[in-house]
């Protein structure tokens, strides 16, 4: 079992070293970008893990049932949600912004 864990760790380290995009994700550079500057992989990482940065925040997936994309076409490319995320500093508007930006890319987040 230990041998598998070591081999997996070495393999992952080699992947990150070989792929600059994966290396960027591993160092947390996605968090330094605005949601409209993120690619799909960054948005997916933020959807899955942004709640771990702030105490008391819930996973984005916990809000998924309350989100609708009906107003997204009128949201000025999600700017409304990005602004709320930046000013309210609570994770529901941030998750909504991420959800909207994924929608712009034709993607849906998973629970």
PDB file of N, CA and C in Angstrom:
ATOM      1  N   UNK A   1       0.825  -1.181   0.000  1.00  0.00           N
ATOM      2  CA  UNK A   1       0.000   0.000   0.000  1.00  0.00           C
ATOM      3  C   UNK A   1       0.880   1.258   0.000  1.00  0.00           C
ATOM      4  N   UNK A   2       1.909   1.270   0.811  1.00  0.00           N
ATOM      5  CA  UNK A   2       2.811   2.413   0.894  1.00  0.00           C
ATOM      6  C   UNK A   2       3.516   2.622  -0.440  1.00  0.00           C
ATOM      7  N   UNK A   3       3.866   1.533  -1.098  1.00  0.00           N
ATOM      8  CA  UNK A   3       4.558   1.615  -2.375  1.00  0.00           C
ATOM      9  C   UNK A   3       3.666   2.293  -3.420  1.00  0.00           C
ATOM     10  N   UNK A   4       2.379   1.993  -3.410  1.00  0.00           N
ATOM     11  CA  UNK A   4       1.443   2.606  -4.347  1.00  0.00           C
ATOM     12  C   UNK A   4       1.339   4.109  -4.077  1.00  0.00           C
ATOM     13  N   UNK A   5       1.275   4.482  -2.815  1.00  0.00           N
ATOM     14  CA  UNK A   5       1.178   5.904  -2.454  1.00  0.00           C
ATOM     15  C   UNK A   5       2.415   6.662  -2.911  1.00  0.00           C
ATOM     16  N   UNK A   6       3.582   6.075  -2.743  1.00  0.00           N
ATOM     17  CA  UNK A   6       4.827   6.725  -3.157  1.00  0.00           C
ATOM     18  C   UNK A   6       4.866   6.861  -4.677  1.00  0.00           C
ATOM     19  N   UNK A   7       4.504   5.808  -5.389  1.00  0.00           N
ATOM     20  CA  UNK A   7       4.497   5.860  -6.847  1.00  0.00           C
ATOM     21  C   UNK A   7       3.496   6.885  -7.371  1.00  0.00           C
ATOM     22  N   UNK A   8       2.334   6.949  -6.734  1.00  0.00           N
ATOM     23  CA  UNK A   8       1.319   7.929  -7.131  1.00  0.00           C
ATOM     24  C   UNK A   8       1.838   9.340  -6.912  1.00  0.00           C
ATOM     25  N   UNK A   9       2.471   9.583  -5.784  1.00  0.00           N
ATOM     26  CA  UNK A   9       3.015  10.912  -5.482  1.00  0.00           C
ATOM     27  C   UNK A   9       4.089  11.290  -6.495  1.00  0.00           C
ATOM     28  N   UNK A  10       4.961  10.348  -6.839  1.00  0.00           N
ATOM     29  CA  UNK A  10       6.008  10.625  -7.822  1.00  0.00           C
ATOM     30  C   UNK A  10       5.410  10.898  -9.195  1.00  0.00           C
ATOM     31  N   UNK A  11       4.387  10.120  -9.563  1.00  0.00           N
ATOM     32  CA  UNK A  11       3.731  10.312 -10.848  1.00  0.00           C
ATOM     33  C   UNK A  11       3.078  11.689 -10.910  1.00  0.00           C
ATOM     34  N   UNK A  12       2.362  12.073  -9.857  1.00  0.00           N
ATOM     35  CA  UNK A  12       1.699  13.383  -9.818  1.00  0.00           C
ATOM     36  C   UNK A  12       2.721  14.512  -9.878  1.00  0.00           C
ATOM     37  N   UNK A  13       3.823  14.357  -9.164  1.00  0.00           N
ATOM     38  CA  UNK A  13       4.878  15.377  -9.190  1.00  0.00           C
ATOM     39  C   UNK A  13       5.440  15.508 -10.602  1.00  0.00           C
ATOM     40  N   UNK A  14       5.624  14.399 -11.271  1.00  0.00           N
ATOM     41  CA  UNK A  14       6.129  14.423 -12.647  1.00  0.00           C
ATOM     42  C   UNK A  14       5.124  15.088 -13.577  1.00  0.00           C
ATOM     43  N   UNK A  15       3.828  14.833 -13.374  1.00  0.00           N
ATOM     44  CA  UNK A  15       2.789  15.471 -14.202  1.00  0.00           C
ATOM     45  C   UNK A  15       2.817  16.976 -14.020  1.00  0.00           C
ATOM     46  N   UNK A  16       2.880  17.436 -12.768  1.00  0.00           N
ATOM     47  CA  UNK A  16       2.886  18.865 -12.499  1.00  0.00           C
ATOM     48  C   UNK A  16       4.130  19.524 -13.088  1.00  0.00           C
ATOM     49  N   UNK A  17       5.264  18.839 -12.994  1.00  0.00           N
ATOM     50  CA  UNK A  17       6.503  19.403 -13.521  1.00  0.00           C
ATOM     51  C   UNK A  17       6.460  19.498 -15.046  1.00  0.00           C
ATOM     52  N   UNK A  18       5.796  18.541 -15.687  1.00  0.00           N
ATOM     53  CA  UNK A  18       5.765  18.491 -17.143  1.00  0.00           C
ATOM     54  C   UNK A  18       4.705  19.418 -17.737  1.00  0.00           C
ATOM     55  N   UNK A  19       3.666  19.718 -17.010  1.00  0.00           N
ATOM     56  CA  UNK A  19       2.559  20.502 -17.536  1.00  0.00           C
ATOM     57  C   UNK A  19       2.443  21.827 -16.781  1.00  0.00           C
ATOM     58  N   UNK A  20       2.808  22.942 -17.410  1.00  0.00           N
ATOM     59  CA  UNK A  20       2.771  24.225 -16.704  1.00  0.00           C
ATOM     60  C   UNK A  20       1.369  24.620 -16.228  1.00  0.00           C
ATOM     61  N   UNK A  21       0.337  24.199 -16.944  1.00  0.00           N
ATOM     62  CA  UNK A  21      -1.034  24.511 -16.516  1.00  0.00           C
ATOM     63  C   UNK A  21      -1.345  23.797 -15.203  1.00  0.00           C
ATOM     64  N   UNK A  22      -1.001  22.516 -15.122  1.00  0.00           N
ATOM     65  CA  UNK A  22      -1.225  21.774 -13.881  1.00  0.00           C
ATOM     66  C   UNK A  22      -0.374  22.343 -12.750  1.00  0.00           C
ATOM     67  N   UNK A  23       0.829  22.742 -13.083  1.00  0.00           N
ATOM     68  CA  UNK A  23       1.715  23.328 -12.077  1.00  0.00           C
ATOM     69  C   UNK A  23       1.106  24.630 -11.539  1.00  0.00           C
ATOM     70  N   UNK A  24       0.529  25.427 -12.435  1.00  0.00           N
ATOM     71  CA  UNK A  24      -0.127  26.666 -12.017  1.00  0.00           C
ATOM     72  C   UNK A  24      -1.285  26.362 -11.071  1.00  0.00           C
ATOM     73  N   UNK A  25      -2.097  25.366 -11.407  1.00  0.00           N
ATOM     74  CA  UNK A  25      -3.226  24.998 -10.553  1.00  0.00           C
ATOM     75  C   UNK A  25      -2.735  24.544  -9.180  1.00  0.00           C
ATOM     76  N   UNK A  26      -1.665  23.777  -9.184  1.00  0.00           N
ATOM     77  CA  UNK A  26      -1.146  23.224  -7.933  1.00  0.00           C
ATOM     78  C   UNK A  26      -0.614  24.316  -7.015  1.00  0.00           C
ATOM     79  N   UNK A  27      -0.155  25.419  -7.578  1.00  0.00           N
ATOM     80  CA  UNK A  27       0.383  26.491  -6.743  1.00  0.00           C
ATOM     81  C   UNK A  27      -0.675  27.511  -6.359  1.00  0.00           C
ATOM     82  N   UNK A  28      -1.920  27.294  -6.757  1.00  0.00           N
ATOM     83  CA  UNK A  28      -3.009  28.159  -6.334  1.00  0.00           C
ATOM     84  C   UNK A  28      -3.128  29.462  -7.096  1.00  0.00           C
ATOM     85  N   UNK A  29      -2.533  29.546  -8.279  1.00  0.00           N
ATOM     86  CA  UNK A  29      -2.586  30.794  -9.035  1.00  0.00           C
ATOM     87  C   UNK A  29      -3.978  31.146  -9.533  1.00  0.00           C
ATOM     88  N   UNK A  30      -4.896  30.201  -9.544  1.00  0.00           N
ATOM     89  CA  UNK A  30      -6.261  30.507  -9.973  1.00  0.00           C
ATOM     90  C   UNK A  30      -6.890  31.549  -9.065  1.00  0.00           C
ATOM     91  N   UNK A  31      -6.585  31.506  -7.799  1.00  0.00           N
ATOM     92  CA  UNK A  31      -7.209  32.399  -6.830  1.00  0.00           C
ATOM     93  C   UNK A  31      -6.820  33.863  -7.048  1.00  0.00           C
ATOM     94  N   UNK A  32      -5.767  34.097  -7.795  1.00  0.00           N
ATOM     95  CA  UNK A  32      -5.311  35.461  -8.047  1.00  0.00           C
ATOM     96  C   UNK A  32      -6.011  36.090  -9.252  1.00  0.00           C
ATOM     97  N   UNK A  33      -6.852  35.333  -9.937  1.00  0.00           N
ATOM     98  CA  UNK A  33      -7.531  35.813 -11.137  1.00  0.00           C
ATOM     99  C   UNK A  33      -8.978  36.166 -10.830  1.00  0.00           C
ATOM    100  N   UNK A  34      -9.536  37.099 -11.599  1.00  0.00           N
ATOM    101  CA  UNK A  34     -10.979  37.337 -11.554  1.00  0.00           C
ATOM    102  C   UNK A  34     -11.666  36.178 -12.264  1.00  0.00           C
ATOM    103  N   UNK A  35     -12.904  35.936 -11.919  1.00  0.00           N
ATOM    104  CA  UNK A  35     -13.606  34.800 -12.524  1.00  0.00           C
ATOM    105  C   UNK A  35     -13.659  34.905 -14.047  1.00  0.00           C
ATOM    106  N   UNK A  36     -13.778  36.116 -14.596  1.00  0.00           N
ATOM    107  CA  UNK A  36     -13.840  36.261 -16.053  1.00  0.00           C
ATOM    108  C   UNK A  36     -12.488  36.012 -16.720  1.00  0.00           C
ATOM    109  N   UNK A  37     -11.417  35.920 -15.948  1.00  0.00           N
ATOM    110  CA  UNK A  37     -10.091  35.636 -16.496  1.00  0.00           C
ATOM    111  C   UNK A  37      -9.730  34.151 -16.388  1.00  0.00           C
ATOM    112  N   UNK A  38     -10.566  33.393 -15.721  1.00  0.00           N
ATOM    113  CA  UNK A  38     -10.255  31.983 -15.474  1.00  0.00           C
ATOM    114  C   UNK A  38     -10.678  31.096 -16.637  1.00  0.00           C
ATOM    115  N   UNK A  39      -9.904  30.058 -16.849  1.00  0.00           N
ATOM    116  CA  UNK A  39     -10.308  29.045 -17.804  1.00  0.00           C
ATOM    117  C   UNK A  39     -11.168  28.010 -17.076  1.00  0.00           C
ATOM    118  N   UNK A  40     -11.621  27.031 -17.808  1.00  0.00           N
ATOM    119  CA  UNK A  40     -12.514  26.010 -17.235  1.00  0.00           C
ATOM    120  C   UNK A  40     -11.898  25.315 -16.025  1.00  0.00           C
ATOM    121  N   UNK A  41     -10.638  24.947 -16.117  1.00  0.00           N
ATOM    122  CA  UNK A  41     -10.000  24.209 -15.021  1.00  0.00           C
ATOM    123  C   UNK A  41      -9.929  25.049 -13.750  1.00  0.00           C
ATOM    124  N   UNK A  42      -9.606  26.332 -13.881  1.00  0.00           N
ATOM    125  CA  UNK A  42      -9.569  27.204 -12.705  1.00  0.00           C
ATOM    126  C   UNK A  42     -10.962  27.346 -12.100  1.00  0.00           C
ATOM    127  N   UNK A  43     -11.959  27.572 -12.945  1.00  0.00           N
ATOM    128  CA  UNK A  43     -13.328  27.709 -12.426  1.00  0.00           C
ATOM    129  C   UNK A  43     -13.765  26.436 -11.713  1.00  0.00           C
ATOM    130  N   UNK A  44     -13.410  25.310 -12.291  1.00  0.00           N
ATOM    131  CA  UNK A  44     -13.767  24.033 -11.667  1.00  0.00           C
ATOM    132  C   UNK A  44     -13.086  23.887 -10.301  1.00  0.00           C
ATOM    133  N   UNK A  45     -11.827  24.270 -10.220  1.00  0.00           N
ATOM    134  CA  UNK A  45     -11.098  24.212  -8.943  1.00  0.00           C
ATOM    135  C   UNK A  45     -11.747  25.138  -7.917  1.00  0.00           C
ATOM    136  N   UNK A  46     -12.097  26.338  -8.356  1.00  0.00           N
ATOM    137  CA  UNK A  46     -12.734  27.285  -7.445  1.00  0.00           C
ATOM    138  C   UNK A  46     -14.090  26.759  -6.981  1.00  0.00           C
ATOM    139  N   UNK A  47     -14.853  26.166  -7.881  1.00  0.00           N
ATOM    140  CA  UNK A  47     -16.158  25.596  -7.519  1.00  0.00           C
ATOM    141  C   UNK A  47     -15.982  24.521  -6.448  1.00  0.00           C
ATOM    142  N   UNK A  48     -14.984  23.695  -6.622  1.00  0.00           N
ATOM    143  CA  UNK A  48     -14.784  22.562  -5.716  1.00  0.00           C
ATOM    144  C   UNK A  48     -14.091  22.909  -4.405  1.00  0.00           C
ATOM    145  N   UNK A  49     -13.235  23.937  -4.405  1.00  0.00           N
ATOM    146  CA  UNK A  49     -12.378  24.127  -3.227  1.00  0.00           C
ATOM    147  C   UNK A  49     -12.363  25.533  -2.618  1.00  0.00           C
ATOM    148  N   UNK A  50     -13.041  26.504  -3.204  1.00  0.00           N
ATOM    149  CA  UNK A  50     -12.938  27.876  -2.681  1.00  0.00           C
ATOM    150  C   UNK A  50     -13.437  27.991  -1.244  1.00  0.00           C
ATOM    151  N   UNK A  51     -14.369  27.152  -0.848  1.00  0.00           N
ATOM    152  CA  UNK A  51     -14.901  27.224   0.523  1.00  0.00           C
ATOM    153  C   UNK A  51     -13.854  26.853   1.573  1.00  0.00           C
ATOM    154  N   UNK A  52     -12.791  26.186   1.161  1.00  0.00           N
ATOM    155  CA  UNK A  52     -11.768  25.772   2.118  1.00  0.00           C
ATOM    156  C   UNK A  52     -10.873  26.933   2.560  1.00  0.00           C
ATOM    157  N   UNK A  53     -10.941  28.056   1.848  1.00  0.00           N
ATOM    158  CA  UNK A  53     -10.101  29.211   2.169  1.00  0.00           C
ATOM    159  C   UNK A  53     -10.666  30.076   3.289  1.00  0.00           C
ATOM    160  N   UNK A  54     -11.961  30.043   3.461  1.00  0.00           N
ATOM    161  CA  UNK A  54     -12.608  30.932   4.417  1.00  0.00           C
ATOM    162  C   UNK A  54     -13.406  30.135   5.445  1.00  0.00           C
ATOM    163  N   UNK A  55     -13.227  30.466   6.683  1.00  0.00           N
ATOM    164  CA  UNK A  55     -13.958  29.787   7.754  1.00  0.00           C
ATOM    165  C   UNK A  55     -15.447  30.106   7.643  1.00  0.00           C
ATOM    166  N   UNK A  56     -16.271  29.086   7.766  1.00  0.00           N
ATOM    167  CA  UNK A  56     -17.716  29.259   7.732  1.00  0.00           C
ATOM    168  C   UNK A  56     -18.338  29.210   6.354  1.00  0.00           C
ATOM    169  N   UNK A  57     -17.517  29.139   5.314  1.00  0.00           N
ATOM    170  CA  UNK A  57     -18.067  29.059   3.966  1.00  0.00           C
ATOM    171  C   UNK A  57     -18.503  27.635   3.668  1.00  0.00           C
ATOM    172  N   UNK A  58     -19.551  27.500   2.869  1.00  0.00           N
ATOM    173  CA  UNK A  58     -20.071  26.192   2.477  1.00  0.00           C
ATOM    174  C   UNK A  58     -19.569  25.852   1.076  1.00  0.00           C
ATOM    175  N   UNK A  59     -19.536  24.559   0.750  1.00  0.00           N
ATOM    176  CA  UNK A  59     -19.157  24.177  -0.614  1.00  0.00           C
ATOM    177  C   UNK A  59     -20.146  24.771  -1.622  1.00  0.00           C
ATOM    178  N   UNK A  60     -19.665  25.153  -2.781  1.00  0.00           N
ATOM    179  CA  UNK A  60     -20.546  25.703  -3.812  1.00  0.00           C
ATOM    180  C   UNK A  60     -21.654  24.724  -4.181  1.00  0.00           C
ATOM    181  N   UNK A  61     -21.346  23.451  -4.137  1.00  0.00           N
ATOM    182  CA  UNK A  61     -22.354  22.451  -4.504  1.00  0.00           C
ATOM    183  C   UNK A  61     -23.587  22.519  -3.596  1.00  0.00           C
ATOM    184  N   UNK A  62     -23.440  23.059  -2.387  1.00  0.00           N
ATOM    185  CA  UNK A  62     -24.588  23.146  -1.480  1.00  0.00           C
ATOM    186  C   UNK A  62     -25.609  24.189  -1.955  1.00  0.00           C
ATOM    187  N   UNK A  63     -25.205  25.078  -2.864  1.00  0.00           N
ATOM    188  CA  UNK A  63     -26.117  26.101  -3.395  1.00  0.00           C
ATOM    189  C   UNK A  63     -26.680  25.731  -4.760  1.00  0.00           C
ATOM    190  N   UNK A  64     -26.196  24.668  -5.351  1.00  0.00           N
ATOM    191  CA  UNK A  64     -26.507  24.360  -6.747  1.00  0.00           C
ATOM    192  C   UNK A  64     -28.009  24.311  -7.019  1.00  0.00           C
ATOM    193  N   UNK A  65     -28.785  23.739  -6.125  1.00  0.00           N
ATOM    194  CA  UNK A  65     -30.228  23.629  -6.337  1.00  0.00           C
ATOM    195  C   UNK A  65     -30.936  24.983  -6.329  1.00  0.00           C
ATOM    196  N   UNK A  66     -30.304  26.005  -5.764  1.00  0.00           N
ATOM    197  CA  UNK A  66     -30.928  27.329  -5.698  1.00  0.00           C
ATOM    198  C   UNK A  66     -30.528  28.223  -6.872  1.00  0.00           C
ATOM    199  N   UNK A  67     -29.564  27.792  -7.673  1.00  0.00           N
ATOM    200  CA  UNK A  67     -29.089  28.607  -8.789  1.00  0.00           C
ATOM    201  C   UNK A  67     -29.879  28.306 -10.057  1.00  0.00           C
ATOM    202  N   UNK A  68     -30.195  29.359 -10.768  1.00  0.00           N
ATOM    203  CA  UNK A  68     -30.842  29.244 -12.070  1.00  0.00           C
ATOM    204  C   UNK A  68     -30.041  30.100 -13.042  1.00  0.00           C
ATOM    205  N   UNK A  69     -29.960  29.666 -14.270  1.00  0.00           N
ATOM    206  CA  UNK A  69     -29.213  30.448 -15.253  1.00  0.00           C
ATOM    207  C   UNK A  69     -30.118  31.353 -16.088  1.00  0.00           C
ATOM    208  N   UNK A  70     -31.382  31.492 -15.709  1.00  0.00           N
ATOM    209  CA  UNK A  70     -32.342  32.273 -16.495  1.00  0.00           C
ATOM    210  C   UNK A  70     -31.931  33.742 -16.644  1.00  0.00           C
ATOM    211  N   UNK A  71     -31.314  34.320 -15.623  1.00  0.00           N
ATOM    212  CA  UNK A  71     -30.924  35.725 -15.693  1.00  0.00           C
ATOM    213  C   UNK A  71     -29.500  35.926 -16.225  1.00  0.00           C
ATOM    214  N   UNK A  72     -28.787  34.857 -16.475  1.00  0.00           N
ATOM    215  CA  UNK A  72     -27.406  34.982 -16.927  1.00  0.00           C
ATOM    216  C   UNK A  72     -27.262  35.754 -18.245  1.00  0.00           C
ATOM    217  N   UNK A  73     -28.139  35.557 -19.227  1.00  0.00           N
ATOM    218  CA  UNK A  73     -27.968  36.319 -20.469  1.00  0.00           C
ATOM    219  C   UNK A  73     -28.034  37.836 -20.267  1.00  0.00           C
ATOM    220  N   UNK A  74     -28.747  38.296 -19.258  1.00  0.00           N
ATOM    221  CA  UNK A  74     -28.877  39.734 -18.995  1.00  0.00           C
ATOM    222  C   UNK A  74     -27.871  40.230 -17.953  1.00  0.00           C
ATOM    223  N   UNK A  75     -26.955  39.390 -17.538  1.00  0.00           N
ATOM    224  CA  UNK A  75     -26.046  39.736 -16.434  1.00  0.00           C
ATOM    225  C   UNK A  75     -24.770  40.434 -16.874  1.00  0.00           C
ATOM    226  N   UNK A  76     -24.718  40.865 -18.139  1.00  0.00           N
ATOM    227  CA  UNK A  76     -23.519  41.519 -18.670  1.00  0.00           C
ATOM    228  C   UNK A  76     -22.296  40.616 -18.496  1.00  0.00           C
ATOM    229  N   UNK A  77     -22.408  39.408 -19.023  1.00  0.00           N
ATOM    230  CA  UNK A  77     -21.341  38.395 -18.947  1.00  0.00           C
ATOM    231  C   UNK A  77     -20.918  38.130 -17.499  1.00  0.00           C
ATOM    232  N   UNK A  78     -21.904  38.036 -16.641  1.00  0.00           N
ATOM    233  CA  UNK A  78     -21.713  37.658 -15.226  1.00  0.00           C
ATOM    234  C   UNK A  78     -21.104  38.765 -14.375  1.00  0.00           C
ATOM    235  N   UNK A  79     -20.958  39.971 -14.921  1.00  0.00           N
ATOM    236  CA  UNK A  79     -20.350  41.061 -14.156  1.00  0.00           C
ATOM    237  C   UNK A  79     -21.095  41.341 -12.852  1.00  0.00           C
ATOM    238  N   UNK A  80     -22.416  41.258 -12.883  1.00  0.00           N
ATOM    239  CA  UNK A  80     -23.234  41.493 -11.689  1.00  0.00           C
ATOM    240  C   UNK A  80     -22.802  40.556 -10.562  1.00  0.00           C
ATOM    241  N   UNK A  81     -22.601  39.296 -10.894  1.00  0.00           N
ATOM    242  CA  UNK A  81     -22.244  38.297  -9.877  1.00  0.00           C
ATOM    243  C   UNK A  81     -20.795  38.456  -9.419  1.00  0.00           C
ATOM    244  N   UNK A  82     -19.899  38.802 -10.340  1.00  0.00           N
ATOM    245  CA  UNK A  82     -18.501  39.062  -9.953  1.00  0.00           C
ATOM    246  C   UNK A  82     -18.435  40.216  -8.965  1.00  0.00           C
ATOM    247  N   UNK A  83     -19.213  41.269  -9.241  1.00  0.00           N
ATOM    248  CA  UNK A  83     -19.221  42.445  -8.357  1.00  0.00           C
ATOM    249  C   UNK A  83     -19.740  42.066  -6.967  1.00  0.00           C
ATOM    250  N   UNK A  84     -20.821  41.308  -6.902  1.00  0.00           N
ATOM    251  CA  UNK A  84     -21.365  40.885  -5.606  1.00  0.00           C
ATOM    252  C   UNK A  84     -20.348  40.035  -4.855  1.00  0.00           C
ATOM    253  N   UNK A  85     -19.653  39.176  -5.559  1.00  0.00           N
ATOM    254  CA  UNK A  85     -18.641  38.321  -4.924  1.00  0.00           C
ATOM    255  C   UNK A  85     -17.536  39.185  -4.319  1.00  0.00           C
ATOM    256  N   UNK A  86     -17.091  40.177  -5.071  1.00  0.00           N
ATOM    257  CA  UNK A  86     -15.987  41.029  -4.609  1.00  0.00           C
ATOM    258  C   UNK A  86     -16.389  41.930  -3.450  1.00  0.00           C
ATOM    259  N   UNK A  87     -17.649  42.373  -3.430  1.00  0.00           N
ATOM    260  CA  UNK A  87     -18.041  43.346  -2.406  1.00  0.00           C
ATOM    261  C   UNK A  87     -18.675  42.711  -1.178  1.00  0.00           C
ATOM    262  N   UNK A  88     -19.399  41.614  -1.350  1.00  0.00           N
ATOM    263  CA  UNK A  88     -20.098  41.013  -0.211  1.00  0.00           C
ATOM    264  C   UNK A  88     -19.225  40.070   0.603  1.00  0.00           C
ATOM    265  N   UNK A  89     -18.191  39.534   0.006  1.00  0.00           N
ATOM    266  CA  UNK A  89     -17.256  38.629   0.691  1.00  0.00           C
ATOM    267  C   UNK A  89     -17.995  37.503   1.423  1.00  0.00           C
ATOM    268  N   UNK A  90     -18.908  36.886   0.705  1.00  0.00           N
ATOM    269  CA  UNK A  90     -19.557  35.690   1.235  1.00  0.00           C
ATOM    270  C   UNK A  90     -19.651  34.709   0.091  1.00  0.00           C
ATOM    271  N   UNK A  91     -19.683  33.440   0.399  1.00  0.00           N
ATOM    272  CA  UNK A  91     -19.434  32.517  -0.703  1.00  0.00           C
ATOM    273  C   UNK A  91     -20.612  32.221  -1.605  1.00  0.00           C
ATOM    274  N   UNK A  92     -21.831  32.502  -1.212  1.00  0.00           N
ATOM    275  CA  UNK A  92     -22.941  32.233  -2.135  1.00  0.00           C
ATOM    276  C   UNK A  92     -22.826  33.097  -3.388  1.00  0.00           C
ATOM    277  N   UNK A  93     -22.600  34.429  -3.272  1.00  0.00           N
ATOM    278  CA  UNK A  93     -22.435  35.204  -4.504  1.00  0.00           C
ATOM    279  C   UNK A  93     -21.192  34.794  -5.300  1.00  0.00           C
ATOM    280  N   UNK A  94     -20.151  34.374  -4.616  1.00  0.00           N
ATOM    281  CA  UNK A  94     -18.949  33.913  -5.325  1.00  0.00           C
ATOM    282  C   UNK A  94     -19.238  32.619  -6.081  1.00  0.00           C
ATOM    283  N   UNK A  95     -19.963  31.734  -5.456  1.00  0.00           N
ATOM    284  CA  UNK A  95     -20.348  30.491  -6.136  1.00  0.00           C
ATOM    285  C   UNK A  95     -21.257  30.790  -7.322  1.00  0.00           C
ATOM    286  N   UNK A  96     -22.162  31.755  -7.154  1.00  0.00           N
ATOM    287  CA  UNK A  96     -23.059  32.150  -8.245  1.00  0.00           C
ATOM    288  C   UNK A  96     -22.239  32.701  -9.412  1.00  0.00           C
ATOM    289  N   UNK A  97     -21.218  33.489  -9.118  1.00  0.00           N
ATOM    290  CA  UNK A  97     -20.352  34.026 -10.158  1.00  0.00           C
ATOM    291  C   UNK A  97     -19.622  32.906 -10.898  1.00  0.00           C
ATOM    292  N   UNK A  98     -19.078  31.972 -10.156  1.00  0.00           N
ATOM    293  CA  UNK A  98     -18.386  30.826 -10.767  1.00  0.00           C
ATOM    294  C   UNK A  98     -19.364  30.036 -11.626  1.00  0.00           C
ATOM    295  N   UNK A  99     -20.567  29.791 -11.100  1.00  0.00           N
ATOM    296  CA  UNK A  99     -21.610  29.062 -11.818  1.00  0.00           C
ATOM    297  C   UNK A  99     -21.939  29.775 -13.135  1.00  0.00           C
ATOM    298  N   UNK A 100     -22.081  31.090 -13.073  1.00  0.00           N
ATOM    299  CA  UNK A 100     -22.398  31.881 -14.262  1.00  0.00           C
ATOM    300  C   UNK A 100     -21.270  31.792 -15.295  1.00  0.00           C
ATOM    301  N   UNK A 101     -20.036  31.899 -14.850  1.00  0.00           N
ATOM    302  CA  UNK A 101     -18.904  31.833 -15.784  1.00  0.00           C
ATOM    303  C   UNK A 101     -18.771  30.440 -16.399  1.00  0.00           C
ATOM    304  N   UNK A 102     -19.073  29.413 -15.636  1.00  0.00           N
ATOM    305  CA  UNK A 102     -19.089  28.068 -16.219  1.00  0.00           C
ATOM    306  C   UNK A 102     -20.185  27.978 -17.281  1.00  0.00           C
ATOM    307  N   UNK A 103     -21.346  28.578 -16.995  1.00  0.00           N
ATOM    308  CA  UNK A 103     -22.457  28.585 -17.949  1.00  0.00           C
ATOM    309  C   UNK A 103     -22.043  29.280 -19.249  1.00  0.00           C
ATOM    310  N   UNK A 104     -21.303  30.400 -19.134  1.00  0.00           N
ATOM    311  CA  UNK A 104     -20.830  31.096 -20.342  1.00  0.00           C
ATOM    312  C   UNK A 104     -19.968  30.185 -21.212  1.00  0.00           C
ATOM    313  N   UNK A 105     -19.279  29.245 -20.577  1.00  0.00           N
ATOM    314  CA  UNK A 105     -18.422  28.302 -21.312  1.00  0.00           C
ATOM    315  C   UNK A 105     -19.191  27.079 -21.774  1.00  0.00           C
ATOM    316  N   UNK A 106     -20.488  27.035 -21.467  1.00  0.00           N
ATOM    317  CA  UNK A 106     -21.289  25.877 -21.860  1.00  0.00           C
ATOM    318  C   UNK A 106     -21.090  24.690 -20.939  1.00  0.00           C
ATOM    319  N   UNK A 107     -20.658  24.949 -19.707  1.00  0.00           N
ATOM    320  CA  UNK A 107     -20.367  23.883 -18.747  1.00  0.00           C
ATOM    321  C   UNK A 107     -21.351  23.965 -17.575  1.00  0.00           C
ATOM    322  N   UNK A 108     -21.505  22.859 -16.893  1.00  0.00           N
ATOM    323  CA  UNK A 108     -22.325  22.787 -15.680  1.00  0.00           C
ATOM    324  C   UNK A 108     -21.490  22.222 -14.555  1.00  0.00           C
ATOM    325  N   UNK A 109     -21.501  22.869 -13.387  1.00  0.00           N
ATOM    326  CA  UNK A 109     -20.776  22.294 -12.251  1.00  0.00           C
ATOM    327  C   UNK A 109     -21.503  21.051 -11.735  1.00  0.00           C
ATOM    328  N   UNK A 110     -20.784  20.231 -11.065  1.00  0.00           N
ATOM    329  CA  UNK A 110     -21.331  18.993 -10.493  1.00  0.00           C
ATOM    330  C   UNK A 110     -21.480  19.150  -8.984  1.00  0.00           C
ATOM    331  N   UNK A 111     -22.399  18.380  -8.457  1.00  0.00           N
ATOM    332  CA  UNK A 111     -22.568  18.351  -6.988  1.00  0.00           C
ATOM    333  C   UNK A 111     -21.448  17.611  -6.343  1.00  0.00           C
TER     334      UNK A 111
END
